[in-house]
Amino acid sequence: RKASRGYAAAPAAACRRAALNSRSMAATEFAVDGRSLLGLSMASDGPPSVPVELQLKAEQKYEAVQQVIVNLEQAIRRDGEPDRRWLRGLLNPKEQCFRTLVALLVEPKYEVFVHLQCVALRAVQMLLRVAVNILPGGLADPNTGMRILRDLAGQKLATEAYHQVSRVAVGHVEPLLACNAMLVLAELGPEALEVSAASVVPRLLDLFVALPDRADELVEVALRMHAWGKEPRKLLLEQSVLHAGGRLLGEVLLQVINRGDAARVMRAVKVLSGCLSLPNGELLLYTNDAKILMEILLRELPNHAEDEAAFACHADCLRALSLRYQAARQHSRWNEVLQVLTDLRDDELVLGSVRTKCRETISALQGETEMAKYGA
């Protein structure tokens, strides 16, 4: 049964080489040096009452998990068939690596060692993401991560680990540890987030404030929450416009729209549109960021004239932006925006649905400009 899902044993030699490959993972950056990433050290970990012997064991386990992270990080940059074999070997239920990492997360005696918990969470996250990317059908089901956790760790341990990771993500005082737990929840999928969305969303926004250097990773959690819909999406939009972390989220979303791949750009535009469409949407972006977004949308609208869904997404964002921000309507390139939409509307070679969207958007933008002129 497992073999039919793509699990296969890996040669011992390949394991020793510590390599893996997945082109879809190539752009993903993970930490190589856990100490520098986490800002934690053994000296600051655990209360003085912890026995020296236990501290030494925690140190050994920390080093071992760090080596797993280093091996994965190095291997992600490599490309070869032995790497794939090794990776699939790690994802074999008979291989104890993943299960051992998960067990560290729930072992009470190691709970006080924040440094160890951080690297264990990071390693679990990496393996879950790799598994979702390389196993057959992994990307088709957003809950693949949760299924993999159960398959590799067993139902009982997986359930314990899920509850522990959820508690750490929303309740641990150490933001670095909470951040790594949040990233694991995102890899597990909507099944892991929907239950505790009311607690996860505000903590996610808190982490944008506490850990701005991890914003590029945290934004992926926000993008997934929005893509999965339901209660997490609703809470994310509503709370982002009122939380200080929402503005930081907005800044990162702008960066994604400006230089991200097509799929992430669409998701980021949808998050911004959703936030800006809310009554308090004008609180999300700084004035300068609103101007930058207007320029990005002006650049991107003609580029998506042959893609109905992408064009509509960008046009809706432009409309929401102009509704909430006077700075957008008074932008020096505002007339240029209207002209681009007019040219596309009048171009008979453009898709009919896109031309219709242009007419609707022009009408809305001109109406909003008139209302603003008379203080409506």
Protein backbone atom coordinates (compact mmCIF):
# COMPACT_ATOMS: atom_id res chain seq x y z
CA ARG A 1 0.00 0.00 0.00
CA LYS A 2 2.77 2.44 0.88
CA ALA A 3 4.72 1.59 -2.25
CA SER A 4 1.74 2.59 -4.37
CA ARG A 5 2.00 6.09 -2.92
CA GLY A 6 5.55 6.50 -4.12
CA TYR A 7 7.47 5.45 -1.03
CA ALA A 8 10.66 3.56 -1.77
CA ALA A 9 13.73 2.51 0.17
CA ALA A 10 16.95 4.46 -0.38
CA PRO A 11 20.44 2.99 -0.76
CA ALA A 12 22.60 3.42 2.31
CA ALA A 13 25.28 5.09 0.21
CA ALA A 14 22.81 7.71 -0.98
CA CYS A 15 21.72 8.34 2.60
CA ARG A 16 25.30 8.96 3.61
CA ARG A 17 25.69 11.44 0.78
CA ALA A 18 22.76 13.38 2.25
CA ALA A 19 21.25 14.61 -0.99
CA LEU A 20 17.77 15.25 -2.29
CA ASN A 21 16.26 16.86 -5.29
CA SER A 22 13.04 18.52 -6.27
CA ARG A 23 13.05 21.29 -8.84
CA SER A 24 9.87 22.72 -7.38
CA MET A 25 11.75 23.10 -4.10
CA ALA A 26 14.80 24.77 -5.63
CA ALA A 27 13.69 28.30 -4.81
CA THR A 28 12.94 27.50 -1.17
CA GLU A 29 15.58 28.68 1.27
CA PHE A 30 16.07 26.97 4.59
CA ALA A 31 18.42 27.73 7.42
CA VAL A 32 21.83 26.12 7.36
CA ASP A 33 23.07 27.38 10.69
CA GLY A 34 20.34 26.95 13.27
CA ARG A 35 22.19 29.00 15.86
CA SER A 36 22.47 32.10 13.72
CA LEU A 37 18.92 31.66 12.40
CA LEU A 38 17.29 31.13 15.73
CA GLY A 39 19.40 33.45 17.83
CA LEU A 40 19.45 30.78 20.51
CA SER A 41 22.20 28.95 22.29
CA MET A 42 22.55 26.09 24.70
CA ALA A 43 23.71 28.45 27.42
CA SER A 44 20.36 30.25 27.49
CA ASP A 45 18.21 27.13 27.34
CA GLY A 46 16.35 25.41 30.12
CA PRO A 47 16.13 26.21 33.85
CA PRO A 48 19.22 25.70 36.06
CA SER A 49 17.50 22.71 37.67
CA VAL A 50 17.79 20.61 34.50
CA PRO A 51 20.28 17.79 35.13
CA VAL A 52 23.59 18.15 33.33
CA GLU A 53 23.19 14.72 31.80
CA LEU A 54 19.89 15.75 30.22
CA GLN A 55 21.42 18.97 28.95
CA LEU A 56 24.20 16.98 27.29
CA LYS A 57 21.67 14.66 25.67
CA ALA A 58 19.71 17.67 24.40
CA GLU A 59 22.93 19.11 22.99
CA GLN A 60 23.66 15.87 21.15
CA LYS A 61 20.16 15.72 19.73
CA TYR A 62 20.37 19.37 18.73
CA GLU A 63 23.56 18.71 16.79
CA ALA A 64 22.04 15.63 15.14
CA VAL A 65 18.94 17.51 14.02
CA GLN A 66 21.07 20.40 12.84
CA GLN A 67 22.97 17.96 10.65
CA VAL A 68 19.69 16.78 9.14
CA ILE A 69 18.83 20.41 8.32
CA VAL A 70 22.28 21.04 6.85
CA ASN A 71 22.05 17.90 4.73
CA LEU A 72 18.62 18.83 3.43
CA GLU A 73 19.66 22.42 2.77
CA GLN A 74 22.70 21.35 0.80
CA ALA A 75 20.79 18.65 -1.04
CA ILE A 76 17.99 20.98 -2.12
CA ARG A 77 20.60 22.79 -4.19
CA ARG A 78 21.68 19.54 -5.87
CA ASP A 79 20.07 17.69 -8.73
CA GLY A 80 20.47 13.98 -9.32
CA GLU A 81 18.71 10.64 -9.29
CA PRO A 82 20.56 9.43 -6.15
CA ASP A 83 19.12 12.44 -4.38
CA ARG A 84 15.56 11.44 -5.23
CA ARG A 85 16.19 7.92 -4.09
CA TRP A 86 17.56 9.16 -0.78
CA LEU A 87 14.64 11.47 -0.25
CA ARG A 88 12.09 8.78 -0.94
CA GLY A 89 13.97 6.63 1.51
CA LEU A 90 13.46 9.25 4.21
CA LEU A 91 9.75 9.20 3.42
CA ASN A 92 9.50 5.44 3.80
CA PRO A 93 7.45 4.56 6.91
CA LYS A 94 10.14 2.01 7.81
CA GLU A 95 12.69 4.82 8.05
CA GLN A 96 12.75 6.28 11.58
CA CYS A 97 14.15 9.75 10.81
CA PHE A 98 10.82 11.56 10.48
CA ARG A 99 9.19 9.71 13.35
CA THR A 100 12.15 10.47 15.63
CA LEU A 101 11.92 14.18 14.81
CA VAL A 102 8.20 14.20 15.56
CA ALA A 103 8.76 12.31 18.82
CA LEU A 104 11.15 15.07 19.96
CA LEU A 105 8.31 17.56 19.70
CA VAL A 106 6.13 15.70 22.20
CA GLU A 107 8.75 14.36 24.62
CA PRO A 108 8.08 16.25 27.91
CA LYS A 109 11.68 16.14 29.15
CA TYR A 110 12.89 18.07 26.09
CA GLU A 111 10.15 20.68 26.17
CA VAL A 112 12.32 23.16 28.08
CA PHE A 113 15.03 23.09 25.43
CA VAL A 114 13.79 25.79 23.09
CA HIS A 115 16.79 25.48 20.76
CA LEU A 116 16.10 21.77 20.24
CA GLN A 117 12.39 22.31 19.69
CA CYS A 118 13.15 25.02 17.12
CA VAL A 119 15.40 22.87 14.97
CA ALA A 120 13.12 19.82 15.29
CA LEU A 121 10.18 21.89 14.05
CA ARG A 122 12.28 23.24 11.20
CA ALA A 123 13.38 19.76 10.12
CA VAL A 124 9.81 18.43 10.26
CA GLN A 125 8.61 21.39 8.18
CA MET A 126 11.28 20.80 5.57
CA LEU A 127 10.51 17.12 5.23
CA LEU A 128 6.77 17.75 4.99
CA ARG A 129 7.27 20.32 2.25
CA VAL A 130 9.61 18.06 0.31
CA ALA A 131 7.19 15.14 0.66
CA VAL A 132 4.25 17.18 -0.63
CA ASN A 133 6.31 18.23 -3.64
CA ILE A 134 7.73 14.88 -4.69
CA LEU A 135 5.12 12.27 -3.75
CA PRO A 136 2.54 11.45 -6.44
CA GLY A 137 -0.54 13.62 -6.09
CA GLY A 138 0.95 15.55 -3.20
CA LEU A 139 0.14 18.98 -4.59
CA ALA A 140 -3.42 18.05 -5.55
CA ASP A 141 -4.70 17.77 -1.97
CA PRO A 142 -4.03 20.70 0.40
CA ASN A 143 -4.21 18.27 3.35
CA THR A 144 -1.43 16.05 2.03
CA GLY A 145 0.88 17.26 4.79
CA MET A 146 -1.47 15.98 7.49
CA ARG A 147 -1.81 12.64 5.72
CA ILE A 148 1.97 12.31 5.49
CA LEU A 149 2.32 13.09 9.19
CA ARG A 150 -0.12 10.29 10.03
CA ASP A 151 1.43 7.84 7.59
CA LEU A 152 5.00 8.35 8.77
CA ALA A 153 4.49 8.98 12.48
CA GLY A 154 1.45 6.83 13.14
CA GLN A 155 -2.00 8.06 14.16
CA LYS A 156 -1.32 8.34 17.91
CA LEU A 157 1.99 10.19 17.66
CA ALA A 158 0.68 12.37 14.82
CA THR A 159 -2.30 13.46 16.93
CA GLU A 160 -0.08 14.28 19.91
CA ALA A 161 2.32 16.20 17.70
CA TYR A 162 -0.44 18.17 16.00
CA HIS A 163 -1.88 19.33 19.33
CA GLN A 164 1.57 20.18 20.67
CA VAL A 165 2.55 22.16 17.56
CA SER A 166 -0.77 24.03 17.71
CA ARG A 167 -0.20 24.95 21.36
CA VAL A 168 3.31 26.19 20.65
CA ALA A 169 2.20 28.18 17.59
CA VAL A 170 -0.46 30.16 19.43
CA GLY A 171 0.78 30.17 23.01
CA HIS A 172 4.55 29.94 23.40
CA VAL A 173 6.26 33.08 24.67
CA GLU A 174 9.31 32.55 22.44
CA PRO A 175 8.36 34.02 19.03
CA LEU A 176 11.05 32.09 17.15
CA LEU A 177 9.65 28.81 18.40
CA ALA A 178 6.08 29.91 17.69
CA CYS A 179 7.11 30.93 14.18
CA ASN A 180 8.56 27.51 13.37
CA ALA A 181 5.44 25.86 14.76
CA MET A 182 3.26 28.12 12.62
CA LEU A 183 5.20 27.08 9.51
CA VAL A 184 4.62 23.41 10.35
CA LEU A 185 0.87 24.01 10.69
CA ALA A 186 0.86 25.60 7.25
CA GLU A 187 2.57 22.54 5.77
CA LEU A 188 -0.07 20.28 7.35
CA GLY A 189 -2.85 22.06 5.47
CA PRO A 190 -6.29 23.56 6.15
CA GLU A 191 -7.33 20.65 8.34
CA ALA A 192 -4.67 21.75 10.82
CA LEU A 193 -5.56 25.45 10.74
CA GLU A 194 -9.34 25.60 10.58
CA VAL A 195 -9.89 24.28 14.10
CA SER A 196 -7.77 26.97 15.77
CA ALA A 197 -8.04 29.80 13.22
CA ALA A 198 -9.38 32.25 15.80
CA SER A 199 -6.10 31.91 17.74
CA VAL A 200 -3.72 31.29 14.84
CA VAL A 201 -4.56 34.43 12.82
CA PRO A 202 -3.82 37.03 15.54
CA ARG A 203 -0.64 35.17 16.53
CA LEU A 204 0.48 35.11 12.90
CA LEU A 205 0.07 38.89 12.70
CA ASP A 206 1.89 39.26 16.04
CA LEU A 207 4.81 37.33 14.56
CA PHE A 208 5.09 39.75 11.62
CA VAL A 209 5.75 42.45 14.23
CA ALA A 210 8.03 40.37 16.45
CA LEU A 211 10.05 38.74 13.66
CA PRO A 212 10.18 41.03 10.61
CA ASP A 213 13.20 39.06 9.29
CA ARG A 214 10.96 35.98 8.97
CA ALA A 215 8.24 37.85 7.06
CA ASP A 216 9.08 36.14 3.76
CA GLU A 217 8.23 32.80 5.37
CA LEU A 218 5.25 34.02 7.36
CA VAL A 219 3.63 35.51 4.26
CA GLU A 220 3.37 32.00 2.82
CA VAL A 221 1.20 31.05 5.82
CA ALA A 222 -1.07 34.02 5.09
CA LEU A 223 -1.28 33.17 1.38
CA ARG A 224 -2.25 29.58 2.15
CA MET A 225 -4.86 30.65 4.71
CA HIS A 226 -6.48 32.87 2.12
CA ALA A 227 -6.31 30.24 -0.62
CA TRP A 228 -7.97 27.64 1.60
CA GLY A 229 -10.92 29.93 2.27
CA LYS A 230 -13.59 29.50 4.95
CA GLU A 231 -13.08 30.92 8.43
CA PRO A 232 -9.26 31.36 8.24
CA ARG A 233 -9.63 33.59 5.16
CA LYS A 234 -12.36 35.69 6.75
CA LEU A 235 -10.39 36.20 9.96
CA LEU A 236 -7.16 36.96 8.11
CA LEU A 237 -8.76 39.73 6.05
CA GLU A 238 -10.71 41.26 8.93
CA GLN A 239 -7.84 41.28 11.41
CA SER A 240 -5.10 42.32 8.98
CA VAL A 241 -6.66 45.76 8.43
CA LEU A 242 -6.77 46.42 12.18
CA HIS A 243 -3.54 44.80 13.40
CA ALA A 244 -0.09 46.40 13.27
CA GLY A 245 1.18 43.21 11.69
CA GLY A 246 -1.26 43.76 8.84
CA ARG A 247 0.77 46.65 7.49
CA LEU A 248 3.89 44.55 7.56
CA LEU A 249 1.97 41.79 5.78
CA GLY A 250 0.90 44.38 3.20
CA GLU A 251 4.51 45.39 2.57
CA VAL A 252 5.55 41.80 1.95
CA LEU A 253 2.56 41.18 -0.31
CA LEU A 254 3.69 44.13 -2.42
CA GLN A 255 7.09 42.48 -2.80
CA VAL A 256 5.43 39.22 -3.86
CA ILE A 257 3.31 41.01 -6.46
CA ASN A 258 6.33 42.88 -7.75
CA ARG A 259 8.65 39.91 -8.20
CA GLY A 260 6.90 36.64 -7.35
CA ASP A 261 5.95 33.76 -9.60
CA ALA A 262 2.56 33.91 -11.33
CA ALA A 263 0.67 31.69 -8.86
CA ARG A 264 1.90 33.55 -5.77
CA VAL A 265 1.26 36.93 -7.43
CA MET A 266 -2.37 36.02 -8.01
CA ARG A 267 -2.77 34.89 -4.42
CA ALA A 268 -1.11 38.05 -3.08
CA VAL A 269 -3.29 40.31 -5.22
CA LYS A 270 -6.39 38.50 -3.94
CA VAL A 271 -5.33 39.00 -0.31
CA LEU A 272 -4.76 42.72 -0.87
CA SER A 273 -8.05 43.08 -2.75
CA GLY A 274 -9.90 41.34 0.06
CA CYS A 275 -8.37 43.55 2.71
CA LEU A 276 -8.82 46.79 0.77
CA SER A 277 -12.47 45.98 0.08
CA LEU A 278 -13.29 45.98 3.79
CA PRO A 279 -14.61 49.12 5.55
CA ASN A 280 -11.24 49.69 7.28
CA GLY A 281 -9.19 48.76 4.22
CA GLU A 282 -7.50 52.16 4.14
CA LEU A 283 -5.60 51.18 7.29
CA LEU A 284 -3.72 48.34 5.60
CA LEU A 285 -1.14 50.21 3.51
CA TYR A 286 1.03 53.24 4.08
CA THR A 287 0.38 56.03 1.58
CA ASN A 288 3.65 55.37 -0.24
CA ASP A 289 2.85 51.67 -0.45
CA ALA A 290 -0.55 52.50 -1.93
CA LYS A 291 1.17 54.56 -4.63
CA ILE A 292 3.61 51.76 -5.34
CA LEU A 293 0.75 49.27 -5.66
CA MET A 294 -0.96 51.58 -8.15
CA GLU A 295 2.16 51.66 -10.31
CA ILE A 296 2.54 47.89 -10.16
CA LEU A 297 -1.09 47.39 -11.19
CA LEU A 298 -0.67 49.87 -14.04
CA ARG A 299 2.29 47.85 -15.26
CA GLU A 300 0.63 44.47 -14.87
CA LEU A 301 -2.86 45.08 -16.27
CA PRO A 302 -1.77 45.10 -19.96
CA ASN A 303 0.44 42.06 -19.29
CA HIS A 304 -2.63 40.01 -18.29
CA ALA A 305 -4.97 41.09 -21.08
CA GLU A 306 -4.91 37.55 -22.48
CA ASP A 307 -5.69 35.93 -19.13
CA GLU A 308 -9.27 36.58 -18.05
CA ALA A 309 -8.87 35.45 -14.44
CA ALA A 310 -5.59 37.27 -13.82
CA PHE A 311 -6.85 40.48 -15.42
CA ALA A 312 -10.03 40.48 -13.36
CA CYS A 313 -8.01 39.88 -10.21
CA HIS A 314 -5.73 42.87 -10.88
CA ALA A 315 -8.63 45.10 -11.98
CA ASP A 316 -10.55 44.33 -8.78
CA CYS A 317 -7.49 45.21 -6.73
CA LEU A 318 -7.14 48.51 -8.61
CA ARG A 319 -10.78 49.32 -7.94
CA ALA A 320 -10.50 48.53 -4.23
CA LEU A 321 -7.29 50.57 -3.97
CA SER A 322 -8.80 53.63 -5.64
CA LEU A 323 -11.87 53.40 -3.41
CA ARG A 324 -9.82 53.44 -0.19
CA TYR A 325 -6.89 55.71 -1.02
CA GLN A 326 -7.09 59.30 -2.17
CA ALA A 327 -3.36 59.06 -2.88
CA ALA A 328 -4.13 56.51 -5.59
CA ARG A 329 -6.79 58.71 -7.24
CA GLN A 330 -4.46 61.71 -7.09
CA HIS A 331 -1.45 59.79 -8.37
CA SER A 332 0.37 61.53 -11.22
CA ARG A 333 -0.30 58.47 -13.40
CA TRP A 334 -4.02 58.21 -12.68
CA ASN A 335 -5.00 59.39 -16.17
CA GLU A 336 -2.57 56.85 -17.59
CA VAL A 337 -4.41 54.11 -15.73
CA LEU A 338 -7.72 55.19 -17.27
CA GLN A 339 -6.11 55.38 -20.70
CA VAL A 340 -4.70 51.86 -20.48
CA LEU A 341 -8.13 50.52 -19.53
CA THR A 342 -9.75 52.52 -22.33
CA ASP A 343 -7.29 51.21 -24.91
CA LEU A 344 -7.92 47.64 -23.84
CA ARG A 345 -11.68 48.20 -23.85
CA ASP A 346 -11.56 49.46 -27.43
CA ASP A 347 -9.17 46.81 -28.74
CA GLU A 348 -11.21 44.25 -30.70
CA LEU A 349 -8.37 41.73 -30.45
CA VAL A 350 -8.71 41.64 -26.67
CA LEU A 351 -10.89 38.96 -25.05
CA GLY A 352 -14.52 40.02 -24.78
CA SER A 353 -14.62 39.27 -21.05
CA VAL A 354 -11.54 41.45 -20.49
CA ARG A 355 -13.08 44.32 -22.48
CA THR A 356 -16.23 44.02 -20.38
CA LYS A 357 -14.14 44.11 -17.22
CA CYS A 358 -12.41 47.24 -18.51
CA ARG A 359 -15.76 48.99 -19.06
CA GLU A 360 -16.92 48.08 -15.56
CA THR A 361 -13.65 49.18 -13.99
CA ILE A 362 -13.53 52.51 -15.86
CA SER A 363 -17.09 53.27 -14.81
CA ALA A 364 -16.32 52.43 -11.19
CA LEU A 365 -13.08 54.45 -11.11
CA GLN A 366 -14.67 57.51 -12.69
CA GLY A 367 -17.58 57.27 -10.28
CA GLU A 368 -15.28 57.08 -7.30
CA THR A 369 -13.30 60.06 -8.56
CA GLU A 370 -16.50 62.10 -8.87
CA MET A 371 -17.67 61.11 -5.40
CA ALA A 372 -14.29 62.07 -3.93
CA LYS A 373 -14.45 65.42 -5.74
CA TYR A 374 -17.72 66.32 -4.03
CA GLY A 375 -16.80 64.77 -0.70
CA ALA A 376 -19.30 61.92 -1.04
